[in-house]
Protein backbone atom coordinates (compact mmCIF):
# COMPACT_ATOMS: atom_id res chain seq x y z
CA UNK A 1 34.69 -55.59 52.90
CA UNK A 2 36.96 -53.50 55.19
CA UNK A 3 34.03 -52.82 57.51
CA UNK A 4 33.23 -56.54 57.82
CA UNK A 5 36.87 -57.41 58.51
CA UNK A 6 37.22 -54.74 61.19
CA UNK A 7 33.94 -55.74 62.81
CA UNK A 8 35.08 -59.36 62.90
CA UNK A 9 38.37 -58.31 64.51
CA UNK A 10 36.51 -56.44 67.26
CA UNK A 11 34.25 -59.45 67.94
CA UNK A 12 37.24 -61.80 68.16
CA UNK A 13 39.04 -59.40 70.49
CA UNK A 14 36.04 -59.09 72.79
CA UNK A 15 35.59 -62.87 72.86
CA UNK A 16 39.21 -63.22 73.94
CA UNK A 17 38.73 -60.92 76.91
CA UNK A 18 37.96 -62.34 80.39
CA UNK A 19 34.32 -62.60 81.39
CA UNK A 20 33.46 -59.63 83.60
CA UNK A 21 30.55 -58.71 85.79
CA UNK A 22 29.40 -55.11 85.66
CA UNK A 23 27.70 -53.39 88.56
CA UNK A 24 26.32 -49.98 89.41
CA UNK A 25 28.06 -46.84 88.12
CA UNK A 26 30.29 -48.85 85.80
CA UNK A 27 31.83 -51.08 88.48
CA UNK A 28 33.53 -54.15 87.00
CA UNK A 29 34.40 -57.39 88.83
CA UNK A 30 37.48 -59.22 87.57
CA UNK A 31 40.05 -61.77 88.70
CA UNK A 32 43.73 -60.99 88.24
CA UNK A 33 47.17 -62.46 88.98
CA UNK A 34 50.24 -60.57 90.07
CA UNK A 35 53.89 -61.60 90.32
CA UNK A 36 56.64 -59.83 92.23
CA UNK A 37 59.73 -59.97 94.36
CA UNK A 38 57.59 -59.71 97.51
CA UNK A 39 54.00 -60.35 98.47
CA UNK A 40 53.26 -56.61 98.53
CA UNK A 41 54.80 -56.14 95.09
CA UNK A 42 52.84 -59.10 93.70
CA UNK A 43 49.64 -57.67 95.22
CA UNK A 44 50.31 -54.29 93.62
CA UNK A 45 50.87 -55.95 90.25
CA UNK A 46 47.59 -57.88 90.68
CA UNK A 47 45.69 -54.66 91.41
CA UNK A 48 47.27 -53.03 88.39
CA UNK A 49 46.37 -56.02 86.21
CA UNK A 50 42.79 -55.90 87.52
CA UNK A 51 42.48 -52.24 86.52
CA UNK A 52 44.11 -52.87 83.15
CA UNK A 53 41.88 -55.86 82.34
CA UNK A 54 38.67 -54.39 83.68
CA UNK A 55 38.94 -50.85 82.41
CA UNK A 56 40.68 -51.87 79.19
CA UNK A 57 37.84 -54.22 78.34
CA UNK A 58 35.28 -51.58 79.27
CA UNK A 59 36.96 -49.06 76.97
CA UNK A 60 37.07 -51.52 74.10
CA UNK A 61 33.42 -52.46 74.45
CA UNK A 62 32.07 -48.99 75.14
CA UNK A 63 34.18 -46.23 73.65
CA UNK A 64 37.19 -47.31 71.67
CA UNK A 65 35.54 -48.54 68.48
CA UNK A 66 35.40 -45.33 66.49
CA UNK A 67 35.13 -44.85 62.74
CA UNK A 68 35.76 -48.59 62.38
CA UNK A 69 39.20 -48.15 63.96
CA UNK A 70 40.20 -49.75 67.26
CA UNK A 71 42.09 -47.17 69.33
CA UNK A 72 44.21 -49.84 71.01
CA UNK A 73 47.24 -47.71 71.84
CA UNK A 74 45.48 -45.97 74.71
CA UNK A 75 44.27 -49.28 76.14
CA UNK A 76 47.61 -51.02 75.88
CA UNK A 77 49.79 -48.21 77.21
CA UNK A 78 47.65 -46.28 79.66
CA UNK A 79 44.91 -47.30 82.07
CA UNK A 80 42.63 -45.30 84.32
CA UNK A 81 40.30 -46.30 87.12
CA UNK A 82 40.74 -47.66 90.61
CA UNK A 83 40.37 -50.81 92.67
CA UNK A 84 37.38 -50.20 94.97
CA UNK A 85 37.73 -53.47 96.86
CA UNK A 86 39.57 -56.77 96.54
CA UNK A 87 39.92 -60.21 98.08
CA UNK A 88 42.98 -62.43 97.95
CA UNK A 89 42.01 -65.78 96.43
CA UNK A 90 45.40 -67.47 96.52
CA UNK A 91 49.05 -66.74 97.16
CA UNK A 92 52.23 -68.74 96.65
CA UNK A 93 56.00 -68.45 96.43
CA UNK A 94 58.37 -70.10 93.98
CA UNK A 95 61.95 -69.28 94.92
CA UNK A 96 62.29 -65.48 94.89
CA UNK A 97 59.01 -64.95 93.03
CA UNK A 98 55.70 -64.37 94.77
CA UNK A 99 52.28 -64.85 93.14
CA UNK A 100 48.98 -63.38 94.34
CA UNK A 101 45.57 -64.00 92.77
CA UNK A 102 42.77 -61.57 93.63
CA UNK A 103 39.13 -60.92 92.92
CA UNK A 104 38.66 -57.17 92.55
CA UNK A 105 35.96 -54.60 91.91
CA UNK A 106 37.24 -51.90 89.57
CA UNK A 107 35.58 -48.58 88.80
CA UNK A 108 36.16 -45.79 86.31
CA UNK A 109 34.28 -43.34 88.52
CA UNK A 110 36.10 -40.84 90.72
CA UNK A 111 37.04 -42.33 94.07
CA UNK A 112 37.39 -39.04 95.95
CA UNK A 113 34.26 -39.80 98.03
CA UNK A 114 34.98 -43.53 98.41
CA UNK A 115 37.11 -43.88 101.54
CA UNK A 116 37.64 -47.64 101.09
CA UNK A 117 38.94 -47.24 97.53
CA UNK A 118 41.05 -44.26 98.61
CA UNK A 119 42.58 -46.31 101.42
CA UNK A 120 43.48 -49.07 98.93
CA UNK A 121 45.07 -46.48 96.65
CA UNK A 122 47.17 -45.02 99.47
CA UNK A 123 48.22 -48.50 100.63
CA UNK A 124 49.29 -49.30 97.07
CA UNK A 125 51.60 -46.27 97.25
CA UNK A 126 53.03 -47.38 100.62
CA UNK A 127 51.05 -44.68 102.45
CA UNK A 128 52.91 -41.56 101.29
CA UNK A 129 53.36 -38.80 103.87
CA UNK A 130 52.01 -35.36 103.05
CA UNK A 131 53.30 -32.07 104.39
CA UNK A 132 51.24 -28.85 104.23
CA UNK A 133 52.99 -25.49 104.17
CA UNK A 134 50.78 -22.46 103.49
CA UNK A 135 51.93 -18.86 103.88
CA UNK A 136 49.18 -16.73 105.40
CA UNK A 137 49.62 -13.34 107.03
CA UNK A 138 48.21 -13.12 110.57
CA UNK A 139 46.92 -16.66 110.79
CA UNK A 140 46.97 -20.26 109.61
CA UNK A 141 43.28 -20.94 108.93
CA UNK A 142 43.92 -22.22 105.39
CA UNK A 143 46.68 -24.60 106.43
CA UNK A 144 44.55 -25.97 109.28
CA UNK A 145 41.58 -26.51 106.94
CA UNK A 146 43.73 -28.42 104.44
CA UNK A 147 45.25 -30.56 107.20
CA UNK A 148 41.79 -31.35 108.57
CA UNK A 149 40.58 -32.31 105.09
CA UNK A 150 43.50 -34.67 104.45
CA UNK A 151 43.26 -36.12 107.94
CA UNK A 152 39.59 -36.96 107.33
CA UNK A 153 40.72 -38.87 104.23
CA UNK A 154 43.25 -40.81 106.35
CA UNK A 155 46.38 -39.42 104.74
CA UNK A 156 49.68 -39.81 106.58
CA UNK A 157 50.65 -36.26 107.59
CA UNK A 158 53.81 -34.59 108.81
CA UNK A 159 53.17 -33.34 112.35
CA UNK A 160 51.72 -29.83 112.30
CA UNK A 161 53.95 -28.83 115.23
CA UNK A 162 57.04 -29.69 113.19
CA UNK A 163 55.75 -27.52 110.34
CA UNK A 164 55.00 -24.67 112.76
CA UNK A 165 58.56 -24.87 114.09
CA UNK A 166 59.85 -24.87 110.53
CA UNK A 167 58.03 -21.60 109.83
CA UNK A 168 60.29 -19.91 112.40
CA UNK A 169 63.45 -20.72 110.46
CA UNK A 170 64.71 -21.09 106.87
CA UNK A 171 62.65 -18.02 105.98
CA UNK A 172 64.19 -17.55 102.53
CA UNK A 173 63.61 -21.19 101.56
CA UNK A 174 60.06 -21.15 102.92
CA UNK A 175 59.26 -17.97 101.02
CA UNK A 176 60.53 -19.50 97.78
CA UNK A 177 58.54 -22.69 98.42
CA UNK A 178 55.24 -21.00 99.27
CA UNK A 179 55.58 -18.74 96.25
CA UNK A 180 55.73 -21.80 94.01
CA UNK A 181 59.36 -22.87 93.66
CA UNK A 182 59.10 -26.68 93.35
CA UNK A 183 62.78 -27.33 94.13
CA UNK A 184 62.58 -25.39 97.39
CA UNK A 185 59.30 -27.11 98.28
CA UNK A 186 60.74 -30.56 97.55
CA UNK A 187 63.81 -29.78 99.66
CA UNK A 188 61.69 -28.73 102.65
CA UNK A 189 59.36 -31.70 102.31
CA UNK A 190 62.11 -34.28 102.00
CA UNK A 191 63.97 -32.79 104.98
CA UNK A 192 60.87 -33.38 107.10
CA UNK A 193 60.16 -36.93 105.94
CA UNK A 194 57.41 -36.16 103.42
CA UNK A 195 56.97 -37.75 100.00
CA UNK A 196 54.61 -35.00 98.85
CA UNK A 197 54.17 -31.41 100.01
CA UNK A 198 51.27 -28.99 99.54
CA UNK A 199 52.65 -25.46 99.34
CA UNK A 200 50.80 -22.25 98.74
CA UNK A 201 50.00 -18.70 99.67
CA UNK A 202 46.88 -16.90 100.87
CA UNK A 203 46.14 -13.26 100.10
CA UNK A 204 43.45 -11.75 102.31
CA UNK A 205 41.52 -8.49 102.09
CA UNK A 206 38.43 -6.77 103.46
CA UNK A 207 35.79 -4.64 101.82
CA UNK A 208 32.93 -2.48 102.89
CA UNK A 209 29.52 -3.67 101.84
CA UNK A 210 26.50 -1.41 102.16
CA UNK A 211 24.11 -4.21 103.09
CA UNK A 212 26.52 -5.72 105.61
CA UNK A 213 27.39 -2.31 106.97
CA UNK A 214 23.77 -1.75 107.93
CA UNK A 215 24.02 -4.67 110.37
CA UNK A 216 27.49 -3.81 111.60
CA UNK A 217 29.42 -6.44 109.63
CA UNK A 218 32.31 -6.38 107.15
CA UNK A 219 33.20 -8.65 104.23
CA UNK A 220 36.39 -10.67 104.29
CA UNK A 221 37.89 -12.16 101.13
CA UNK A 222 40.72 -14.62 100.52
CA UNK A 223 42.49 -16.06 97.50
CA UNK A 224 44.61 -19.19 97.82
CA UNK A 225 46.98 -20.66 95.26
CA UNK A 226 48.52 -24.06 95.98
CA UNK A 227 50.72 -26.68 94.36
CA UNK A 228 51.42 -30.30 95.23
CA UNK A 229 55.05 -31.30 94.76
CA UNK A 230 56.62 -34.75 94.59
CA UNK A 231 59.53 -34.31 97.01
CA UNK A 232 61.75 -36.94 95.41
CA UNK A 233 61.95 -35.27 92.01
CA UNK A 234 60.44 -31.77 92.49
CA UNK A 235 57.71 -32.49 89.95
CA UNK A 236 54.43 -30.58 90.25
CA UNK A 237 51.58 -33.11 90.28
CA UNK A 238 48.74 -30.61 90.86
CA UNK A 239 48.21 -26.86 90.91
CA UNK A 240 44.97 -24.99 91.62
CA UNK A 241 43.55 -21.81 93.14
CA UNK A 242 40.29 -20.87 94.86
CA UNK A 243 38.54 -17.91 96.43
CA UNK A 244 36.42 -17.56 99.56
CA UNK A 245 34.36 -14.82 101.19
CA UNK A 246 32.81 -14.46 104.64
CA UNK A 247 31.14 -11.84 106.81
CA UNK A 248 31.77 -10.97 110.47
CA UNK A 249 31.66 -8.02 112.82
CA UNK A 250 35.45 -8.26 113.14
CA UNK A 251 37.66 -7.58 110.12
CA UNK A 252 40.26 -10.14 111.21
CA UNK A 253 37.63 -12.81 111.86
CA UNK A 254 35.95 -12.15 108.50
CA UNK A 255 39.25 -12.61 106.66
CA UNK A 256 40.12 -15.70 108.70
CA UNK A 257 36.78 -17.33 107.86
CA UNK A 258 37.22 -16.38 104.20
CA UNK A 259 40.66 -18.03 104.22
CA UNK A 260 39.22 -21.21 105.71
CA UNK A 261 36.43 -21.26 103.11
CA UNK A 262 38.90 -20.74 100.25
CA UNK A 263 41.06 -23.64 101.45
CA UNK A 264 38.10 -25.97 101.89
CA UNK A 265 36.80 -25.01 98.44
CA UNK A 266 40.25 -25.62 96.98
CA UNK A 267 40.33 -29.16 98.34
CA UNK A 268 36.65 -30.02 97.79
CA UNK A 269 36.37 -29.00 94.17
CA UNK A 270 39.78 -28.91 92.63
CA UNK A 271 43.06 -29.84 94.25
CA UNK A 272 42.11 -33.10 95.95
CA UNK A 273 40.71 -34.60 92.76
CA UNK A 274 43.94 -33.69 90.97
CA UNK A 275 45.99 -35.38 93.71
CA UNK A 276 43.92 -38.56 93.48
CA UNK A 277 44.13 -38.59 89.67
CA UNK A 278 47.92 -38.24 89.88
CA UNK A 279 48.16 -41.03 92.47
CA UNK A 280 45.95 -43.32 90.38
CA UNK A 281 48.14 -42.66 87.34
CA UNK A 282 51.27 -43.55 89.33
CA UNK A 283 49.77 -46.80 90.61
CA UNK A 284 48.20 -47.85 87.31
CA UNK A 285 50.82 -46.77 84.82
CA UNK A 286 54.06 -46.54 86.76
CA UNK A 287 56.02 -44.16 88.95
CA UNK A 288 58.76 -41.91 87.62
CA UNK A 289 62.13 -42.84 89.12
CA UNK A 290 65.20 -40.66 88.76
CA UNK A 291 68.06 -43.09 88.16
CA UNK A 292 71.75 -42.17 88.18
CA UNK A 293 74.32 -44.75 87.09
CA UNK A 294 77.93 -43.90 87.91
CA UNK A 295 81.25 -45.24 86.67
CA UNK A 296 79.93 -45.60 83.11
CA UNK A 297 83.06 -45.44 80.92
CA UNK A 298 81.76 -44.77 77.43
CA UNK A 299 78.82 -44.21 75.08
CA UNK A 300 78.56 -47.88 74.13
CA UNK A 301 78.24 -48.94 77.78
CA UNK A 302 75.55 -46.35 78.56
CA UNK A 303 73.54 -47.65 75.60
CA UNK A 304 73.86 -51.17 77.01
CA UNK A 305 72.66 -49.98 80.44
CA UNK A 306 69.60 -48.35 78.88
CA UNK A 307 68.84 -51.51 76.93
CA UNK A 308 69.01 -53.57 80.12
CA UNK A 309 66.62 -51.23 81.96
CA UNK A 310 64.17 -51.23 79.06
CA UNK A 311 63.95 -55.00 79.46
CA UNK A 312 62.62 -54.62 83.01
CA UNK A 313 59.01 -53.86 84.03
CA UNK A 314 59.17 -50.29 82.69
CA UNK A 315 56.81 -48.15 80.64
CA UNK A 316 59.49 -45.79 79.36
CA UNK A 317 63.14 -44.78 79.75
CA UNK A 318 64.32 -41.22 78.98
CA UNK A 319 67.95 -40.14 79.03
CA UNK A 320 68.48 -36.85 80.92
CA UNK A 321 72.21 -36.65 80.50
CA UNK A 322 75.51 -38.50 80.09
CA UNK A 323 78.96 -37.23 80.91
CA UNK A 324 81.78 -37.54 83.39
CA UNK A 325 80.98 -41.21 83.87
CA UNK A 326 77.39 -40.46 84.98
CA UNK A 327 74.27 -41.59 83.16
CA UNK A 328 71.04 -39.90 84.29
CA UNK A 329 67.71 -41.47 83.37
CA UNK A 330 64.02 -40.91 84.10
CA UNK A 331 62.40 -44.32 84.30
CA UNK A 332 58.65 -44.91 84.49
CA UNK A 333 58.56 -48.19 86.39
CA UNK A 334 55.49 -50.31 87.08
CA UNK A 335 56.30 -50.85 90.74
CA UNK A 336 57.98 -49.08 93.66
CA UNK A 337 61.61 -48.08 94.19
CA UNK A 338 62.50 -51.23 96.14
CA UNK A 339 61.09 -53.44 93.40
CA UNK A 340 63.13 -51.58 90.78
CA UNK A 341 66.25 -51.82 92.93
CA UNK A 342 65.77 -55.56 93.44
CA UNK A 343 65.21 -56.10 89.73
CA UNK A 344 68.41 -54.35 88.65
CA UNK A 345 70.82 -54.95 91.54
CA UNK A 346 73.39 -57.58 90.58
CA UNK A 347 72.62 -57.49 86.84
CA UNK A 348 75.64 -57.37 84.52
CA UNK A 349 76.42 -55.09 81.58
CA UNK A 350 79.35 -55.98 79.35
CA UNK A 351 80.69 -58.24 82.10
CA UNK A 352 80.40 -55.59 84.85
CA UNK A 353 77.92 -55.69 87.74
CA UNK A 354 75.34 -53.03 88.59
CA UNK A 355 75.05 -52.33 92.34
CA UNK A 356 72.38 -50.14 93.95
CA UNK A 357 74.22 -47.87 96.40
CA UNK A 358 71.57 -45.34 97.49
CA UNK A 359 67.78 -44.91 97.52
CA UNK A 360 66.05 -41.67 98.57
CA UNK A 361 62.38 -41.38 97.68
CA UNK A 362 62.22 -42.06 93.96
CA UNK A 363 65.88 -41.21 93.41
CA UNK A 364 68.11 -44.24 92.92
CA UNK A 365 71.88 -44.30 92.56
CA UNK A 366 73.57 -47.28 90.91
CA UNK A 367 77.27 -47.97 90.50
CA UNK A 368 78.72 -49.98 87.63
CA UNK A 369 81.41 -52.09 89.36
């Protein structure tokens, strides 16, 4: 009896889902609506809804019916996948609310080789700027290789000349950053207008090889370890390492080529895919905003502020601290910082107005008037 009831529930749920068209490699075509405080915000919400509807339905029909139990929590709270292409079908405005209807092709497959889908992803994140800072003795082959890789993928990059100039100063901070200190890395990145920074260190060496020695060549080897830091909150979104080897008649040239190979391998096989996965998660499931509310007089009021924020378009709200009139929260918001600011600015708590007074990256400061 239980089996029949559960089977009937699954059938009813699938019948209630929108009709989708599936294509090669699991591509799914779906129509979706988005609403927001601006056209761009409404478009982002439509893309997110397309992914949620398309991939959520795919998961239900293909993988989430297990042991006669529907694993709905994953579908309802977390989505994966990416918009590969889209077309705006209609757009309108009603007062301060914008609506956008799109037809989109959604895929669960990795988009690291799909430049069109990658471009859509980066546009959905307002084209974040990346900074690359790699410590390498006697050279910068690894840093150049990573910059070339990201440039080929059409990332917005901090000017390499500015980074080179930076390497000549703030030595202590640079050393801490390249050795893996996320706070130092975030500080350097933010100071140079980057939203994300790739920091790392290369260790190079040479070795004698009997076979290579017979033809007058030496072996160069390089190990690179790198992290990608969100500059607005010093969170590590990816961390990987790789190794490269190369041969040359010159020891320095062999090590330089090995360093370049290690960096390219790092991006090709490991780090880039982690970056894209992190970006997709931010777009699909929300970005973490660090929110500070000042002039909060008591415990009761800070509870009321949290309740208000939970009623917005948020996935979660976590309290990081309360004291001295300051309430610190980590908010996973399904939109960007401007959309969050617009949604909360002017709202009232216990008869007092909330005013956004500062925005820097994903850090937002609000004052309770």
